Amino acid sequence: MQSIGINLQQHVDNNLLHFHASRPTLNGLEMHLVSIHKQIKKVKPAVVILDPITNLITVGLISEVKSMLIRLIDFLQEEQITVMFTALSLNTVVNEQTDEGVSSLVDAWLLVRDIEFNGERNRGLYIMKSRGMKHSNQVREFVITNQGLNLIDVYLGPNGVLTGSAREAQQITKKNGKIIYNNNLTRKNREIERKRKVLEAQIANLQSEFESVEEELNKVYVEEELIKEVAEKNRQEITRL
């Protein structure tokens, strides 16, 4: 899996990861079950991954496959081993019957589904079932990159959840809108600053005019007081005569 940035060889070299491959048509269901038991007894793993269980329907009926998986799960539970099953989605009646049979056996069920929109196909991952645990009901975009596997957060557009190029286009539109908004905000702030300076200048002029008028009124008031004082002195002098 180095093509997607995941190096498993180091885990194989350290005996932390073991692979065992077998064609479904090589043996019957019972022999496959016996082979799995032998491998588990030999390796003593903490986790077992069976990929994919839908291939088993080529060598047995749905009821027989379900019976085999129940016996395998019971065995793994006794050994206290976590198991993970993968199943191919074929969009057929057989696949639906397989899903119904397996859903009652597992505690958690993750579903990867193709989402066709805007002329392209993208993968969406969500939790179909999680027994006894709180879980999200939202769809995450499942992306395979050169650096590994990524789950993209839900991106809601005007018409619902967006994936792939539609998500990227909406993100660019939103980014451009934010840039335009910031530019408009900056321009309005500059305009407000200019108006503030004009108003401050007008207030300063009005303050200067008020001080001039106040000074003139004070001058008139002082002159009137002096005239009254002189008139009073003259009246007193005339009275003495």
Protein backbone atom coordinates (compact mmCIF):
# COMPACT_ATOMS: atom_id res chain seq x y z
CA MET A 1 0.00 0.00 0.00
CA GLN A 2 2.97 2.29 -0.49
CA SER A 3 1.18 3.85 -3.47
CA ILE A 4 -1.09 5.67 -1.01
CA GLY A 5 1.63 6.46 1.51
CA ILE A 6 1.07 3.51 3.88
CA ASN A 7 4.06 1.25 4.55
CA LEU A 8 3.02 -2.09 6.03
CA GLN A 9 6.28 -3.94 5.40
CA GLN A 10 7.83 -2.78 8.67
CA HIS A 11 4.92 -4.30 10.60
CA VAL A 12 5.27 -7.55 8.68
CA ASP A 13 9.00 -7.65 9.42
CA ASN A 14 8.29 -7.13 13.14
CA ASN A 15 5.71 -9.96 13.15
CA LEU A 16 2.98 -7.50 14.06
CA LEU A 17 1.05 -8.06 10.83
CA HIS A 18 0.33 -11.34 9.04
CA PHE A 19 -1.39 -11.99 5.72
CA HIS A 20 -3.08 -15.21 4.67
CA ALA A 21 -4.64 -15.35 1.20
CA SER A 22 -6.94 -18.07 -0.10
CA ARG A 23 -9.32 -18.24 -3.04
CA PRO A 24 -12.98 -18.68 -1.98
CA THR A 25 -13.47 -21.50 -4.49
CA LEU A 26 -10.38 -23.39 -3.29
CA ASN A 27 -12.28 -25.00 -0.39
CA GLY A 28 -15.76 -25.27 1.01
CA LEU A 29 -17.02 -23.13 3.89
CA GLU A 30 -16.07 -25.72 6.51
CA MET A 31 -12.49 -25.96 5.25
CA HIS A 32 -12.20 -22.18 5.17
CA LEU A 33 -13.38 -22.06 8.79
CA VAL A 34 -10.86 -24.74 9.79
CA SER A 35 -8.07 -22.86 7.99
CA ILE A 36 -8.97 -19.63 9.81
CA HIS A 37 -8.95 -21.45 13.16
CA LYS A 38 -5.48 -22.85 12.43
CA GLN A 39 -4.09 -19.44 11.48
CA ILE A 40 -5.53 -17.84 14.62
CA LYS A 41 -4.11 -20.56 16.86
CA LYS A 42 -0.74 -20.15 15.16
CA VAL A 43 -0.47 -16.34 15.08
CA LYS A 44 -2.57 -15.48 18.20
CA PRO A 45 -3.62 -12.06 16.85
CA ALA A 46 -5.40 -9.26 18.70
CA VAL A 47 -7.39 -8.27 15.60
CA VAL A 48 -8.58 -10.34 12.63
CA ILE A 49 -9.70 -8.84 9.30
CA LEU A 50 -11.66 -11.00 6.86
CA ASP A 51 -11.75 -9.41 3.40
CA PRO A 52 -14.28 -9.71 1.82
CA ILE A 53 -17.00 -11.94 3.25
CA THR A 54 -19.21 -11.43 0.18
CA ASN A 55 -16.88 -13.73 -1.79
CA LEU A 56 -18.02 -16.63 0.38
CA ILE A 57 -21.43 -16.67 -1.33
CA THR A 58 -19.68 -18.21 -4.36
CA VAL A 59 -19.19 -21.46 -2.41
CA GLY A 60 -22.30 -21.53 -0.23
CA LEU A 61 -25.82 -20.29 0.34
CA ILE A 62 -26.55 -17.09 2.25
CA SER A 63 -27.80 -19.08 5.23
CA GLU A 64 -24.67 -21.26 5.20
CA VAL A 65 -22.37 -18.22 5.02
CA LYS A 66 -24.23 -16.60 7.92
CA SER A 67 -23.96 -19.79 9.96
CA MET A 68 -20.21 -19.97 9.30
CA LEU A 69 -19.70 -16.33 10.29
CA ILE A 70 -21.68 -16.81 13.51
CA ARG A 71 -19.46 -19.74 14.44
CA LEU A 72 -16.35 -17.71 13.57
CA ILE A 73 -17.52 -14.74 15.66
CA ASP A 74 -18.31 -17.02 18.61
CA PHE A 75 -14.82 -18.50 18.39
CA LEU A 76 -13.18 -15.06 18.21
CA GLN A 77 -15.21 -13.83 21.17
CA GLU A 78 -14.01 -16.79 23.22
CA GLU A 79 -10.44 -15.89 22.26
CA GLN A 80 -11.16 -12.18 23.02
CA ILE A 81 -10.15 -11.16 19.51
CA THR A 82 -11.60 -8.17 17.67
CA VAL A 83 -12.82 -8.96 14.16
CA MET A 84 -13.42 -6.72 11.17
CA PHE A 85 -15.37 -7.85 8.11
CA THR A 86 -15.37 -6.11 4.75
CA ALA A 87 -18.08 -6.64 2.16
CA LEU A 88 -18.30 -5.57 -1.46
CA SER A 89 -21.39 -3.63 -2.47
CA LEU A 90 -22.79 -5.17 -5.63
CA ASN A 91 -26.23 -3.52 -5.64
CA THR A 92 -27.94 -6.88 -6.04
CA VAL A 93 -30.59 -8.81 -4.16
CA VAL A 94 -27.91 -11.24 -2.99
CA ASN A 95 -25.89 -8.36 -1.57
CA GLU A 96 -28.94 -7.02 0.30
CA GLN A 97 -29.55 -10.45 1.79
CA THR A 98 -25.89 -10.63 2.83
CA ASP A 99 -26.13 -7.21 4.49
CA GLU A 100 -29.25 -8.24 6.38
CA GLY A 101 -27.56 -11.43 7.55
CA VAL A 102 -24.35 -9.76 8.70
CA SER A 103 -25.88 -6.63 10.26
CA SER A 104 -27.23 -8.64 13.19
CA LEU A 105 -23.77 -10.12 13.87
CA VAL A 106 -21.66 -6.97 14.17
CA ASP A 107 -21.48 -4.17 16.73
CA ALA A 108 -20.46 -1.44 14.29
CA TRP A 109 -21.13 -1.09 10.58
CA LEU A 110 -19.33 1.45 8.39
CA LEU A 111 -20.60 1.96 4.86
CA VAL A 112 -18.60 3.40 1.96
CA ARG A 113 -20.86 4.46 -0.88
CA ASP A 114 -20.31 6.16 -4.23
CA ILE A 115 -21.88 9.61 -4.51
CA GLU A 116 -22.54 10.65 -8.11
CA PHE A 117 -22.93 14.39 -8.51
CA ASN A 118 -21.94 17.07 -11.00
CA GLY A 119 -20.53 14.58 -13.51
CA GLU A 120 -18.17 12.77 -11.14
CA ARG A 121 -18.17 9.97 -8.59
CA ASN A 122 -16.86 10.42 -5.05
CA ARG A 123 -16.77 8.15 -2.02
CA GLY A 124 -18.83 8.90 1.06
CA LEU A 125 -18.34 7.13 4.41
CA TYR A 126 -20.84 7.03 7.25
CA ILE A 127 -21.77 4.90 10.24
CA MET A 128 -24.72 2.68 9.43
CA LYS A 129 -24.85 1.11 12.89
CA SER A 130 -23.00 1.32 16.19
CA ARG A 131 -24.47 -0.82 18.92
CA GLY A 132 -24.60 0.84 22.34
CA MET A 133 -22.44 3.81 21.31
CA LYS A 134 -23.13 7.41 20.44
CA HIS A 135 -22.06 8.13 16.87
CA SER A 136 -22.33 10.71 14.12
CA ASN A 137 -25.04 10.42 11.48
CA GLN A 138 -23.24 12.66 8.99
CA VAL A 139 -21.53 11.61 5.76
CA ARG A 140 -17.78 12.17 5.40
CA GLU A 141 -16.04 12.29 2.04
CA PHE A 142 -13.57 9.39 1.84
CA VAL A 143 -10.49 10.39 -0.17
CA ILE A 144 -7.51 8.21 -1.16
CA THR A 145 -4.38 10.33 -1.61
CA ASN A 146 -0.63 9.80 -2.01
CA GLN A 147 -0.29 10.54 1.72
CA GLY A 148 -2.88 7.99 2.83
CA LEU A 149 -6.60 7.98 3.54
CA ASN A 150 -8.42 11.17 4.51
CA LEU A 151 -11.89 11.85 5.81
CA ILE A 152 -13.06 15.29 4.71
CA ASP A 153 -15.39 17.13 7.07
CA VAL A 154 -18.97 17.62 5.96
CA TYR A 155 -19.28 20.66 3.69
CA LEU A 156 -22.77 22.05 3.32
CA GLY A 157 -23.54 24.14 0.27
CA PRO A 158 -26.74 25.95 -0.73
CA ASN A 159 -28.16 22.70 -2.15
CA GLY A 160 -26.92 20.23 0.48
CA VAL A 161 -23.74 18.21 1.07
CA LEU A 162 -20.99 18.85 -1.50
CA THR A 163 -18.15 16.50 -2.44
CA GLY A 164 -15.21 16.48 -4.86
CA SER A 165 -14.86 19.35 -7.31
CA ALA A 166 -18.24 20.78 -6.26
CA ARG A 167 -16.92 21.14 -2.70
CA GLU A 168 -13.66 22.70 -3.92
CA ALA A 169 -15.54 25.12 -6.21
CA GLN A 170 -17.84 26.15 -3.35
CA GLN A 171 -14.85 26.63 -1.05
CA ILE A 172 -13.16 28.85 -3.67
CA THR A 173 -16.39 30.83 -4.11
CA LYS A 174 -16.69 31.26 -0.36
CA LYS A 175 -13.04 32.28 -0.09
CA ASN A 176 -13.43 34.84 -2.89
CA GLY A 177 -16.60 36.14 -1.26
CA LYS A 178 -14.73 36.56 2.01
CA ILE A 179 -11.93 38.47 0.25
CA ILE A 180 -14.47 40.77 -1.44
CA TYR A 181 -16.26 41.26 1.89
CA ASN A 182 -12.99 42.17 3.62
CA ASN A 183 -12.11 44.61 0.83
CA ASN A 184 -15.54 46.25 1.07
CA LEU A 185 -15.20 46.40 4.84
CA THR A 186 -11.78 48.05 4.54
CA ARG A 187 -13.13 50.56 2.01
CA LYS A 188 -16.07 51.41 4.27
CA ASN A 189 -13.74 51.81 7.24
CA ARG A 190 -11.62 54.27 5.24
CA GLU A 191 -14.76 56.17 4.23
CA ILE A 192 -15.92 56.30 7.84
CA GLU A 193 -12.48 57.57 8.89
CA ARG A 194 -12.61 60.34 6.28
CA LYS A 195 -16.09 61.40 7.41
CA ARG A 196 -14.95 61.34 11.03
CA LYS A 197 -12.06 63.68 10.23
CA VAL A 198 -14.40 66.03 8.30
CA LEU A 199 -16.83 66.08 11.22
CA GLU A 200 -14.00 66.69 13.68
CA ALA A 201 -12.82 69.63 11.54
CA GLN A 202 -16.37 71.04 11.42
CA ILE A 203 -16.69 70.64 15.19
CA ALA A 204 -13.36 72.44 15.65
CA ASN A 205 -14.56 75.32 13.44
CA LEU A 206 -17.84 75.56 15.35
CA GLN A 207 -15.92 75.52 18.63
CA SER A 208 -13.69 78.35 17.39
CA GLU A 209 -16.73 80.38 16.26
CA PHE A 210 -18.41 79.79 19.60
CA GLU A 211 -15.33 80.99 21.47
CA SER A 212 -15.20 84.14 19.30
CA VAL A 213 -18.88 84.91 19.92
CA GLU A 214 -18.44 84.20 23.62
CA GLU A 215 -15.46 86.52 23.79
CA GLU A 216 -17.39 89.28 21.99
CA LEU A 217 -20.36 88.89 24.34
CA ASN A 218 -18.06 89.03 27.35
CA LYS A 219 -16.51 92.24 25.97
CA VAL A 220 -19.93 93.87 25.59
CA TYR A 221 -20.90 92.75 29.09
CA VAL A 222 -17.72 94.25 30.59
CA GLU A 223 -18.24 97.55 28.74
CA GLU A 224 -21.81 97.79 30.00
CA GLU A 225 -20.65 97.18 33.56
CA LEU A 226 -18.01 99.91 33.24
CA ILE A 227 -20.59 102.36 31.88
CA LYS A 228 -22.91 101.60 34.79
CA GLU A 229 -20.07 102.04 37.28
CA VAL A 230 -19.04 105.42 35.80
CA ALA A 231 -22.63 106.60 35.72
CA GLU A 232 -23.08 105.64 39.38
CA LYS A 233 -19.96 107.58 40.39
CA ASN A 234 -21.11 110.66 38.48
CA ARG A 235 -24.52 110.47 40.15
CA GLN A 236 -22.95 110.29 43.59
CA GLU A 237 -20.70 113.30 42.90
CA ILE A 238 -23.67 115.37 41.67
CA THR A 239 -25.59 114.46 44.81
CA ARG A 240 -22.79 115.77 47.07
CA LEU A 241 -22.91 119.13 45.32
